C-alpha atoms as a PDB file:
ATOM      1  CA  UNK A   1     148.359 163.788 164.050  1.00  0.00           C
ATOM      2  CA  UNK A   2     150.182 162.465 167.155  1.00  0.00           C
ATOM      3  CA  UNK A   3     153.826 161.667 166.498  1.00  0.00           C
ATOM      4  CA  UNK A   4     153.324 158.104 167.773  1.00  0.00           C
ATOM      5  CA  UNK A   5     150.247 157.363 165.630  1.00  0.00           C
ATOM      6  CA  UNK A   6     150.669 154.145 163.605  1.00  0.00           C
ATOM      7  CA  UNK A   7     147.527 154.000 161.491  1.00  0.00           C
ATOM      8  CA  UNK A   8     145.411 155.947 159.013  1.00  0.00           C
ATOM      9  CA  UNK A   9     144.779 159.602 159.835  1.00  0.00           C
ATOM     10  CA  UNK A  10     142.741 162.274 157.972  1.00  0.00           C
ATOM     11  CA  UNK A  11     144.972 163.704 155.255  1.00  0.00           C
ATOM     12  CA  UNK A  12     144.242 167.316 156.170  1.00  0.00           C
ATOM     13  CA  UNK A  13     145.606 166.724 159.697  1.00  0.00           C
ATOM     14  CA  UNK A  14     148.620 164.588 158.881  1.00  0.00           C
ATOM     15  CA  UNK A  15     152.143 165.615 159.744  1.00  0.00           C
ATOM     16  CA  UNK A  16     154.491 166.728 157.019  1.00  0.00           C
ATOM     17  CA  UNK A  17     156.105 163.757 155.288  1.00  0.00           C
ATOM     18  CA  UNK A  18     153.428 161.235 156.272  1.00  0.00           C
ATOM     19  CA  UNK A  19     153.801 158.211 153.969  1.00  0.00           C
ATOM     20  CA  UNK A  20     150.598 156.324 154.762  1.00  0.00           C
ATOM     21  CA  UNK A  21     149.273 156.558 151.189  1.00  0.00           C
ATOM     22  CA  UNK A  22     152.657 155.418 149.836  1.00  0.00           C
ATOM     23  CA  UNK A  23     152.926 152.281 151.955  1.00  0.00           C
ATOM     24  CA  UNK A  24     152.347 148.915 150.249  1.00  0.00           C
ATOM     25  CA  UNK A  25     148.633 148.147 150.281  1.00  0.00           C
ATOM     26  CA  UNK A  26     149.156 144.928 152.221  1.00  0.00           C
ATOM     27  CA  UNK A  27     151.119 146.767 154.927  1.00  0.00           C
ATOM     28  CA  UNK A  28     148.291 149.270 155.297  1.00  0.00           C
ATOM     29  CA  UNK A  29     145.858 146.381 155.579  1.00  0.00           C
ATOM     30  CA  UNK A  30     147.916 144.780 158.366  1.00  0.00           C
ATOM     31  CA  UNK A  31     148.018 148.022 160.322  1.00  0.00           C
ATOM     32  CA  UNK A  32     144.292 148.582 159.824  1.00  0.00           C
ATOM     33  CA  UNK A  33     143.489 145.015 160.911  1.00  0.00           C
ATOM     34  CA  UNK A  34     145.569 145.383 164.067  1.00  0.00           C
ATOM     35  CA  UNK A  35     143.791 148.629 164.846  1.00  0.00           C
ATOM     36  CA  UNK A  36     140.407 146.952 164.301  1.00  0.00           C
ATOM     37  CA  UNK A  37     141.481 144.048 166.543  1.00  0.00           C
ATOM     38  CA  UNK A  38     142.457 146.443 169.352  1.00  0.00           C
ATOM     39  CA  UNK A  39     139.237 148.443 169.088  1.00  0.00           C
ATOM     40  CA  UNK A  40     137.096 145.298 168.983  1.00  0.00           C
ATOM     41  CA  UNK A  41     138.755 143.837 172.073  1.00  0.00           C
ATOM     42  CA  UNK A  42     138.314 147.139 173.857  1.00  0.00           C
ATOM     43  CA  UNK A  43     134.622 147.233 172.976  1.00  0.00           C
ATOM     44  CA  UNK A  44     134.213 143.736 174.364  1.00  0.00           C
ATOM     45  CA  UNK A  45     136.076 144.559 177.548  1.00  0.00           C
ATOM     46  CA  UNK A  46     134.212 147.724 178.458  1.00  0.00           C
ATOM     47  CA  UNK A  47     130.877 146.229 177.424  1.00  0.00           C
ATOM     48  CA  UNK A  48     129.678 148.918 175.028  1.00  0.00           C
ATOM     49  CA  UNK A  49     128.303 148.788 171.524  1.00  0.00           C
ATOM     50  CA  UNK A  50     128.310 145.051 170.829  1.00  0.00           C
ATOM     51  CA  UNK A  51     126.419 143.670 173.826  1.00  0.00           C
ATOM     52  CA  UNK A  52     123.947 146.555 174.059  1.00  0.00           C
ATOM     53  CA  UNK A  53     123.297 147.375 170.408  1.00  0.00           C
ATOM     54  CA  UNK A  54     123.715 144.010 168.673  1.00  0.00           C
ATOM     55  CA  UNK A  55     122.432 141.693 171.397  1.00  0.00           C
ATOM     56  CA  UNK A  56     120.165 144.104 173.260  1.00  0.00           C
ATOM     57  CA  UNK A  57     121.616 143.172 176.654  1.00  0.00           C
ATOM     58  CA  UNK A  58     121.129 145.842 179.320  1.00  0.00           C
ATOM     59  CA  UNK A  59     123.893 144.675 181.619  1.00  0.00           C
ATOM     60  CA  UNK A  60     126.714 142.197 181.215  1.00  0.00           C
ATOM     61  CA  UNK A  61     130.025 141.636 182.913  1.00  0.00           C
ATOM     62  CA  UNK A  62     132.990 143.118 181.057  1.00  0.00           C
ATOM     63  CA  UNK A  63     134.554 139.720 180.282  1.00  0.00           C
ATOM     64  CA  UNK A  64     131.349 138.389 178.796  1.00  0.00           C
ATOM     65  CA  UNK A  65     133.155 136.235 176.217  1.00  0.00           C
ATOM     66  CA  UNK A  66     134.269 133.867 178.936  1.00  0.00           C
ATOM     67  CA  UNK A  67     131.451 134.426 181.398  1.00  0.00           C
ATOM     68  CA  UNK A  68     128.716 133.403 178.938  1.00  0.00           C
ATOM     69  CA  UNK A  69     130.281 130.063 178.040  1.00  0.00           C
ATOM     70  CA  UNK A  70     130.872 128.652 174.581  1.00  0.00           C
ATOM     71  CA  UNK A  71     127.191 127.783 174.226  1.00  0.00           C
ATOM     72  CA  UNK A  72     126.263 131.475 174.284  1.00  0.00           C
ATOM     73  CA  UNK A  73     125.377 132.944 170.872  1.00  0.00           C
ATOM     74  CA  UNK A  74     127.105 136.242 171.545  1.00  0.00           C
ATOM     75  CA  UNK A  75     130.225 134.414 172.671  1.00  0.00           C
ATOM     76  CA  UNK A  76     130.355 132.387 169.454  1.00  0.00           C
ATOM     77  CA  UNK A  77     129.827 135.451 167.260  1.00  0.00           C
ATOM     78  CA  UNK A  78     132.474 137.434 169.127  1.00  0.00           C
ATOM     79  CA  UNK A  79     134.985 134.595 168.910  1.00  0.00           C
ATOM     80  CA  UNK A  80     134.238 134.133 165.198  1.00  0.00           C
ATOM     81  CA  UNK A  81     134.959 137.796 164.509  1.00  0.00           C
ATOM     82  CA  UNK A  82     138.178 137.637 166.519  1.00  0.00           C
ATOM     83  CA  UNK A  83     139.222 134.481 164.658  1.00  0.00           C
ATOM     84  CA  UNK A  84     138.527 136.106 161.271  1.00  0.00           C
ATOM     85  CA  UNK A  85     140.618 139.164 162.142  1.00  0.00           C
ATOM     86  CA  UNK A  86     143.442 136.986 163.498  1.00  0.00           C
ATOM     87  CA  UNK A  87     143.482 134.733 160.426  1.00  0.00           C
ATOM     88  CA  UNK A  88     143.501 137.746 158.134  1.00  0.00           C
ATOM     89  CA  UNK A  89     146.426 139.224 160.055  1.00  0.00           C
ATOM     90  CA  UNK A  90     148.361 135.953 159.852  1.00  0.00           C
ATOM     91  CA  UNK A  91     148.004 135.387 156.108  1.00  0.00           C
ATOM     92  CA  UNK A  92     148.394 138.997 155.009  1.00  0.00           C
ATOM     93  CA  UNK A  93     151.298 139.497 157.417  1.00  0.00           C
ATOM     94  CA  UNK A  94     153.078 136.427 156.036  1.00  0.00           C
ATOM     95  CA  UNK A  95     152.668 137.703 152.496  1.00  0.00           C
ATOM     96  CA  UNK A  96     154.025 141.146 153.403  1.00  0.00           C
ATOM     97  CA  UNK A  97     157.023 139.574 155.115  1.00  0.00           C
ATOM     98  CA  UNK A  98     157.866 137.486 152.039  1.00  0.00           C
ATOM     99  CA  UNK A  99     157.538 140.496 149.752  1.00  0.00           C
ATOM    100  CA  UNK A 100     159.695 142.773 151.912  1.00  0.00           C
ATOM    101  CA  UNK A 101     162.290 140.053 152.386  1.00  0.00           C
ATOM    102  CA  UNK A 102     162.644 139.728 148.604  1.00  0.00           C
ATOM    103  CA  UNK A 103     163.179 143.488 148.487  1.00  0.00           C
ATOM    104  CA  UNK A 104     166.170 143.106 150.817  1.00  0.00           C
ATOM    105  CA  UNK A 105     164.795 144.345 154.126  1.00  0.00           C
ATOM    106  CA  UNK A 106     166.043 142.893 157.397  1.00  0.00           C
ATOM    107  CA  UNK A 107     163.514 141.326 159.801  1.00  0.00           C
ATOM    108  CA  UNK A 108     163.761 144.301 162.177  1.00  0.00           C
ATOM    109  CA  UNK A 109     162.975 146.741 159.367  1.00  0.00           C
ATOM    110  CA  UNK A 110     160.113 144.543 158.169  1.00  0.00           C
ATOM    111  CA  UNK A 111     158.512 144.748 161.620  1.00  0.00           C
ATOM    112  CA  UNK A 112     158.872 148.533 161.595  1.00  0.00           C
ATOM    113  CA  UNK A 113     157.346 148.839 158.121  1.00  0.00           C
ATOM    114  CA  UNK A 114     154.468 146.523 158.953  1.00  0.00           C
ATOM    115  CA  UNK A 115     153.458 148.024 162.262  1.00  0.00           C
ATOM    116  CA  UNK A 116     155.770 149.720 164.723  1.00  0.00           C
ATOM    117  CA  UNK A 117     157.065 152.773 162.823  1.00  0.00           C
ATOM    118  CA  UNK A 118     154.746 155.824 162.633  1.00  0.00           C
ATOM    119  CA  UNK A 119     154.044 156.866 159.011  1.00  0.00           C
ATOM    120  CA  UNK A 120     155.139 160.417 159.823  1.00  0.00           C
ATOM    121  CA  UNK A 121     158.660 159.449 161.028  1.00  0.00           C
ATOM    122  CA  UNK A 122     160.468 161.043 158.081  1.00  0.00           C
ATOM    123  CA  UNK A 123     163.951 160.099 159.254  1.00  0.00           C
ATOM    124  CA  UNK A 124     163.084 156.402 158.944  1.00  0.00           C
ATOM    125  CA  UNK A 125     161.124 156.442 155.677  1.00  0.00           C
ATOM    126  CA  UNK A 126     163.750 158.586 153.931  1.00  0.00           C
ATOM    127  CA  UNK A 127     166.422 155.890 154.308  1.00  0.00           C
ATOM    128  CA  UNK A 128     167.321 154.662 150.803  1.00  0.00           C
ATOM    129  CA  UNK A 129     166.676 150.966 151.473  1.00  0.00           C
ATOM    130  CA  UNK A 130     163.285 151.844 153.029  1.00  0.00           C
ATOM    131  CA  UNK A 131     162.253 154.458 150.461  1.00  0.00           C
ATOM    132  CA  UNK A 132     162.425 151.904 147.638  1.00  0.00           C
ATOM    133  CA  UNK A 133     159.336 150.084 148.957  1.00  0.00           C
ATOM    134  CA  UNK A 134     157.252 153.266 148.939  1.00  0.00           C
ATOM    135  CA  UNK A 135     155.183 154.294 145.959  1.00  0.00           C
ATOM    136  CA  UNK A 136     156.150 157.655 144.386  1.00  0.00           C
ATOM    137  CA  UNK A 137     154.167 160.460 145.969  1.00  0.00           C
ATOM    138  CA  UNK A 138     152.583 161.605 142.705  1.00  0.00           C
ATOM    139  CA  UNK A 139     151.270 158.145 141.797  1.00  0.00           C
ATOM    140  CA  UNK A 140     149.269 157.644 144.982  1.00  0.00           C
ATOM    141  CA  UNK A 141     147.534 160.969 144.983  1.00  0.00           C
ATOM    142  CA  UNK A 142     143.850 160.532 144.356  1.00  0.00           C
ATOM    143  CA  UNK A 143     141.990 162.753 141.971  1.00  0.00           C
ATOM    144  CA  UNK A 144     140.695 165.779 143.785  1.00  0.00           C
ATOM    145  CA  UNK A 145     137.028 166.638 143.966  1.00  0.00           C
ATOM    146  CA  UNK A 146     137.430 170.150 142.547  1.00  0.00           C
ATOM    147  CA  UNK A 147     140.049 172.524 141.116  1.00  0.00           C
ATOM    148  CA  UNK A 148     140.061 174.364 144.434  1.00  0.00           C
ATOM    149  CA  UNK A 149     141.300 171.166 146.108  1.00  0.00           C
ATOM    150  CA  UNK A 150     144.244 171.176 143.700  1.00  0.00           C
ATOM    151  CA  UNK A 151     144.859 174.843 144.467  1.00  0.00           C
ATOM    152  CA  UNK A 152     144.965 174.158 148.208  1.00  0.00           C
ATOM    153  CA  UNK A 153     147.320 171.222 147.638  1.00  0.00           C
ATOM    154  CA  UNK A 154     149.672 173.421 145.596  1.00  0.00           C
ATOM    155  CA  UNK A 155     149.613 176.164 148.223  1.00  0.00           C
ATOM    156  CA  UNK A 156     150.277 173.628 150.986  1.00  0.00           C
ATOM    157  CA  UNK A 157     153.018 171.649 149.223  1.00  0.00           C
ATOM    158  CA  UNK A 158     154.613 174.713 147.645  1.00  0.00           C
ATOM    159  CA  UNK A 159     154.705 176.458 151.012  1.00  0.00           C
ATOM    160  CA  UNK A 160     156.686 173.557 152.455  1.00  0.00           C
ATOM    161  CA  UNK A 161     159.469 173.817 149.862  1.00  0.00           C
ATOM    162  CA  UNK A 162     162.654 175.244 151.283  1.00  0.00           C
ATOM    163  CA  UNK A 163     166.004 176.543 150.140  1.00  0.00           C
ATOM    164  CA  UNK A 164     166.418 177.225 146.413  1.00  0.00           C
ATOM    165  CA  UNK A 165     163.071 175.584 145.711  1.00  0.00           C
ATOM    166  CA  UNK A 166     161.043 178.080 147.744  1.00  0.00           C
ATOM    167  CA  UNK A 167     160.694 180.626 144.883  1.00  0.00           C
ATOM    168  CA  UNK A 168     159.442 177.808 142.673  1.00  0.00           C
ATOM    169  CA  UNK A 169     156.693 177.103 145.197  1.00  0.00           C
ATOM    170  CA  UNK A 170     155.628 180.736 145.009  1.00  0.00           C
ATOM    171  CA  UNK A 171     155.653 180.642 141.218  1.00  0.00           C
ATOM    172  CA  UNK A 172     153.470 177.527 141.265  1.00  0.00           C
ATOM    173  CA  UNK A 173     151.023 179.222 143.644  1.00  0.00           C
ATOM    174  CA  UNK A 174     150.684 182.222 141.301  1.00  0.00           C
ATOM    175  CA  UNK A 175     150.164 179.953 138.299  1.00  0.00           C
ATOM    176  CA  UNK A 176     147.562 177.899 140.187  1.00  0.00           C
ATOM    177  CA  UNK A 177     145.570 181.023 141.055  1.00  0.00           C
ATOM    178  CA  UNK A 178     145.691 182.107 137.414  1.00  0.00           C
ATOM    179  CA  UNK A 179     144.311 178.737 136.364  1.00  0.00           C
ATOM    180  CA  UNK A 180     141.547 178.918 138.968  1.00  0.00           C
ATOM    181  CA  UNK A 181     140.563 182.345 137.659  1.00  0.00           C
ATOM    182  CA  UNK A 182     140.554 181.013 134.099  1.00  0.00           C
ATOM    183  CA  UNK A 183     138.447 177.976 135.093  1.00  0.00           C
ATOM    184  CA  UNK A 184     135.941 180.177 136.902  1.00  0.00           C
ATOM    185  CA  UNK A 185     135.761 182.443 133.853  1.00  0.00           C
ATOM    186  CA  UNK A 186     135.014 179.416 131.691  1.00  0.00           C
ATOM    187  CA  UNK A 187     132.329 178.264 134.139  1.00  0.00           C
ATOM    188  CA  UNK A 188     130.635 181.662 133.953  1.00  0.00           C
ATOM    189  CA  UNK A 189     130.840 181.682 130.167  1.00  0.00           C
ATOM    190  CA  UNK A 190     129.317 178.203 129.940  1.00  0.00           C
ATOM    191  CA  UNK A 191     126.507 179.140 132.321  1.00  0.00           C
ATOM    192  CA  UNK A 192     125.710 182.340 130.417  1.00  0.00           C
ATOM    193  CA  UNK A 193     125.603 180.540 127.077  1.00  0.00           C
ATOM    194  CA  UNK A 194     123.559 177.649 128.460  1.00  0.00           C
ATOM    195  CA  UNK A 195     120.861 180.039 129.706  1.00  0.00           C
ATOM    196  CA  UNK A 196     120.013 180.839 126.074  1.00  0.00           C
ATOM    197  CA  UNK A 197     119.399 177.218 125.088  1.00  0.00           C
ATOM    198  CA  UNK A 198     116.561 175.092 126.374  1.00  0.00           C
ATOM    199  CA  UNK A 199     117.157 171.334 126.631  1.00  0.00           C
ATOM    200  CA  UNK A 200     116.243 169.636 123.363  1.00  0.00           C
ATOM    201  CA  UNK A 201     115.667 172.946 121.562  1.00  0.00           C
ATOM    202  CA  UNK A 202     117.884 172.026 118.608  1.00  0.00           C
ATOM    203  CA  UNK A 203     115.943 168.800 117.985  1.00  0.00           C
ATOM    204  CA  UNK A 204     112.571 170.570 118.246  1.00  0.00           C
ATOM    205  CA  UNK A 205     113.584 173.236 115.750  1.00  0.00           C
ATOM    206  CA  UNK A 206     114.900 170.614 113.332  1.00  0.00           C
ATOM    207  CA  UNK A 207     111.608 168.690 113.583  1.00  0.00           C
ATOM    208  CA  UNK A 208     109.561 171.832 112.916  1.00  0.00           C
ATOM    209  CA  UNK A 209     111.656 172.719 109.874  1.00  0.00           C
ATOM    210  CA  UNK A 210     111.267 169.201 108.516  1.00  0.00           C
ATOM    211  CA  UNK A 211     107.489 169.348 109.058  1.00  0.00           C
ATOM    212  CA  UNK A 212     107.238 172.622 107.087  1.00  0.00           C
ATOM    213  CA  UNK A 213     109.317 171.357 104.174  1.00  0.00           C
ATOM    214  CA  UNK A 214     107.455 171.427 100.868  1.00  0.00           C
ATOM    215  CA  UNK A 215     104.741 173.845 102.068  1.00  0.00           C
ATOM    216  CA  UNK A 216     105.051 177.018  99.982  1.00  0.00           C
ATOM    217  CA  UNK A 217     103.105 179.336 102.277  1.00  0.00           C
ATOM    218  CA  UNK A 218     105.297 178.355 105.240  1.00  0.00           C
ATOM    219  CA  UNK A 219     108.547 179.539 103.626  1.00  0.00           C
ATOM    220  CA  UNK A 220     108.891 182.694 105.820  1.00  0.00           C
ATOM    221  CA  UNK A 221     108.334 180.692 109.001  1.00  0.00           C
ATOM    222  CA  UNK A 222     110.761 178.011 107.857  1.00  0.00           C
ATOM    223  CA  UNK A 223     113.404 180.652 107.110  1.00  0.00           C
ATOM    224  CA  UNK A 224     112.981 182.116 110.602  1.00  0.00           C
ATOM    225  CA  UNK A 225     113.245 178.681 112.203  1.00  0.00           C
ATOM    226  CA  UNK A 226     116.394 177.911 110.211  1.00  0.00           C
ATOM    227  CA  UNK A 227     118.017 181.121 111.481  1.00  0.00           C
ATOM    228  CA  UNK A 228     117.084 180.183 115.041  1.00  0.00           C
ATOM    229  CA  UNK A 229     118.523 176.695 114.503  1.00  0.00           C
ATOM    230  CA  UNK A 230     121.803 178.150 113.215  1.00  0.00           C
ATOM    231  CA  UNK A 231     122.013 180.376 116.279  1.00  0.00           C
ATOM    232  CA  UNK A 232     121.335 177.481 118.636  1.00  0.00           C
ATOM    233  CA  UNK A 233     124.024 175.411 116.934  1.00  0.00           C
ATOM    234  CA  UNK A 234     126.492 178.273 117.246  1.00  0.00           C
ATOM    235  CA  UNK A 235     125.746 178.546 120.956  1.00  0.00           C
ATOM    236  CA  UNK A 236     126.128 174.778 121.378  1.00  0.00           C
ATOM    237  CA  UNK A 237     129.453 174.868 119.558  1.00  0.00           C
ATOM    238  CA  UNK A 238     130.703 177.673 121.791  1.00  0.00           C
ATOM    239  CA  UNK A 239     129.617 175.775 124.899  1.00  0.00           C
ATOM    240  CA  UNK A 240     131.548 172.686 123.779  1.00  0.00           C
ATOM    241  CA  UNK A 241     134.586 174.796 122.967  1.00  0.00           C
ATOM    242  CA  UNK A 242     134.443 176.455 126.406  1.00  0.00           C
ATOM    243  CA  UNK A 243     134.124 173.057 128.085  1.00  0.00           C
ATOM    244  CA  UNK A 244     137.164 171.734 126.234  1.00  0.00           C
ATOM    245  CA  UNK A 245     139.245 174.744 127.277  1.00  0.00           C
ATOM    246  CA  UNK A 246     138.070 174.362 130.867  1.00  0.00           C
ATOM    247  CA  UNK A 247     138.991 170.675 130.906  1.00  0.00           C
ATOM    248  CA  UNK A 248     142.470 171.443 129.562  1.00  0.00           C
ATOM    249  CA  UNK A 249     143.033 173.991 132.309  1.00  0.00           C
ATOM    250  CA  UNK A 250     141.780 171.563 134.949  1.00  0.00           C
ATOM    251  CA  UNK A 251     144.269 168.973 133.702  1.00  0.00           C
ATOM    252  CA  UNK A 252     147.065 171.555 133.781  1.00  0.00           C
ATOM    253  CA  UNK A 253     146.167 172.431 137.357  1.00  0.00           C
ATOM    254  CA  UNK A 254     146.092 168.767 138.337  1.00  0.00           C
ATOM    255  CA  UNK A 255     149.440 168.143 136.653  1.00  0.00           C
ATOM    256  CA  UNK A 256     150.960 171.135 138.432  1.00  0.00           C
ATOM    257  CA  UNK A 257     149.673 169.845 141.772  1.00  0.00           C
ATOM    258  CA  UNK A 258     151.192 166.413 141.124  1.00  0.00           C
ATOM    259  CA  UNK A 259     154.559 167.888 140.178  1.00  0.00           C
ATOM    260  CA  UNK A 260     154.694 170.132 143.247  1.00  0.00           C
ATOM    261  CA  UNK A 261     153.725 167.211 145.504  1.00  0.00           C
ATOM    262  CA  UNK A 262     156.452 165.058 143.951  1.00  0.00           C
ATOM    263  CA  UNK A 263     158.947 167.888 144.270  1.00  0.00           C
ATOM    264  CA  UNK A 264     158.308 168.209 147.977  1.00  0.00           C
ATOM    265  CA  UNK A 265     158.472 164.442 148.559  1.00  0.00           C
ATOM    266  CA  UNK A 266     161.674 163.822 146.584  1.00  0.00           C
ATOM    267  CA  UNK A 267     163.788 166.792 147.634  1.00  0.00           C
ATOM    268  CA  UNK A 268     166.262 164.772 149.749  1.00  0.00           C
ATOM    269  CA  UNK A 269     166.484 161.268 148.216  1.00  0.00           C
ATOM    270  CA  UNK A 270     166.924 162.013 144.501  1.00  0.00           C
ATOM    271  CA  UNK A 271     168.413 165.420 143.564  1.00  0.00           C
ATOM    272  CA  UNK A 272     168.464 164.570 139.843  1.00  0.00           C
ATOM    273  CA  UNK A 273     164.738 163.835 139.958  1.00  0.00           C
ATOM    274  CA  UNK A 274     164.179 167.140 141.749  1.00  0.00           C
ATOM    275  CA  UNK A 275     165.928 168.975 138.909  1.00  0.00           C
ATOM    276  CA  UNK A 276     163.762 167.297 136.284  1.00  0.00           C
ATOM    277  CA  UNK A 277     160.510 167.953 138.153  1.00  0.00           C
ATOM    278  CA  UNK A 278     161.567 171.559 138.814  1.00  0.00           C
ATOM    279  CA  UNK A 279     162.001 172.096 135.074  1.00  0.00           C
ATOM    280  CA  UNK A 280     158.523 170.654 134.481  1.00  0.00           C
ATOM    281  CA  UNK A 281     157.007 172.985 137.072  1.00  0.00           C
ATOM    282  CA  UNK A 282     158.702 176.022 135.530  1.00  0.00           C
ATOM    283  CA  UNK A 283     157.538 175.040 132.048  1.00  0.00           C
ATOM    284  CA  UNK A 284     153.970 174.603 133.280  1.00  0.00           C
ATOM    285  CA  UNK A 285     154.037 177.948 135.068  1.00  0.00           C
ATOM    286  CA  UNK A 286     155.326 179.719 131.947  1.00  0.00           C
ATOM    287  CA  UNK A 287     152.641 178.087 129.809  1.00  0.00           C
ATOM    288  CA  UNK A 288     149.944 179.051 132.321  1.00  0.00           C
ATOM    289  CA  UNK A 289     151.182 182.656 132.427  1.00  0.00           C
ATOM    290  CA  UNK A 290     151.034 182.901 128.614  1.00  0.00           C
ATOM    291  CA  UNK A 291     147.492 181.541 128.556  1.00  0.00           C
ATOM    292  CA  UNK A 292     146.440 183.964 131.289  1.00  0.00           C
ATOM    293  CA  UNK A 293     147.758 186.891 129.242  1.00  0.00           C
ATOM    294  CA  UNK A 294     145.925 185.643 126.168  1.00  0.00           C
ATOM    295  CA  UNK A 295     142.730 185.294 128.176  1.00  0.00           C
ATOM    296  CA  UNK A 296     143.006 188.864 129.455  1.00  0.00           C
ATOM    297  CA  UNK A 297     143.564 190.230 125.946  1.00  0.00           C
ATOM    298  CA  UNK A 298     140.371 188.701 124.550  1.00  0.00           C
ATOM    299  CA  UNK A 299     138.108 189.000 127.605  1.00  0.00           C
ATOM    300  CA  UNK A 300     136.688 192.368 126.558  1.00  0.00           C
ATOM    301  CA  UNK A 301     135.980 191.170 123.031  1.00  0.00           C
ATOM    302  CA  UNK A 302     134.209 188.087 124.336  1.00  0.00           C
ATOM    303  CA  UNK A 303     132.097 190.264 126.602  1.00  0.00           C
ATOM    304  CA  UNK A 304     130.804 192.349 123.702  1.00  0.00           C
ATOM    305  CA  UNK A 305     130.280 189.295 121.538  1.00  0.00           C
ATOM    306  CA  UNK A 306     128.432 187.552 124.352  1.00  0.00           C
ATOM    307  CA  UNK A 307     126.033 190.478 124.709  1.00  0.00           C
ATOM    308  CA  UNK A 308     125.304 190.368 120.964  1.00  0.00           C
ATOM    309  CA  UNK A 309     124.592 186.641 121.063  1.00  0.00           C
ATOM    310  CA  UNK A 310     122.278 187.019 124.063  1.00  0.00           C
ATOM    311  CA  UNK A 311     120.297 189.797 122.313  1.00  0.00           C
ATOM    312  CA  UNK A 312     119.970 187.658 119.205  1.00  0.00           C
ATOM    313  CA  UNK A 313     118.862 184.610 121.213  1.00  0.00           C
ATOM    314  CA  UNK A 314     116.289 186.690 123.088  1.00  0.00           C
ATOM    315  CA  UNK A 315     114.854 188.141 119.885  1.00  0.00           C
END
């Protein structure tokens, strides 16, 4: 991300301390609208995209808005779009100004927040009277697509901790890897158990048993079907139990990622908050380490039990 960049930028390439996601939504909208206005005017000026794709014109002078006259269809459409963007900027900008004024910001600071200050300028956004308008870092973080996204976030944010907090970042990274290993173990267990159950098998077995009820000569078959139904129900119960454990570990990983992100963002402004979040991170890491030890102690037993269940399901 360039140091002078004022607008949205892909999160993976942002500078450390970028506050774009923590800005008031209306301020982000103003910046985005200004960026759209600049790009649209540039497209009009250099005569690409709009005139050739939308209107199918092979050649047109760069200043076609004025050269075509107000009676031109493309001129009217272009002016309408420009007017819509300008009106949106005016009304949203006025609302942002009123809101920031009520929060005690001076006009010069309001202009910087709305447009002129890059989101990655940490020295500006860390000022106490500016930081109060920003959302807490943990509250704006969107849910990740996978546990590995949380792991990468913990590694990235934990690696940026400095001073006495650096060992805590390393502890969080170890705990996150333990959780990932536990989640992957649960995924494998669920997949192995699910291979032994066909979709709708429990319902089909129950229907067959009900159809054979009351028929004396079918008692041996009904007994066999009942045993198969019990086995299928046991497998289904184990799958649900494994899913619940996996979901709990995913939530722990997500919570750890949020705490580490908040810890990195709040190191300077609020030391008392840093202490509280640090305690939460340590407690989570200790809990994760205990669960990892428990998982290791029963892994061998589960392996033997799993083999027995698979043999029974196959037979």
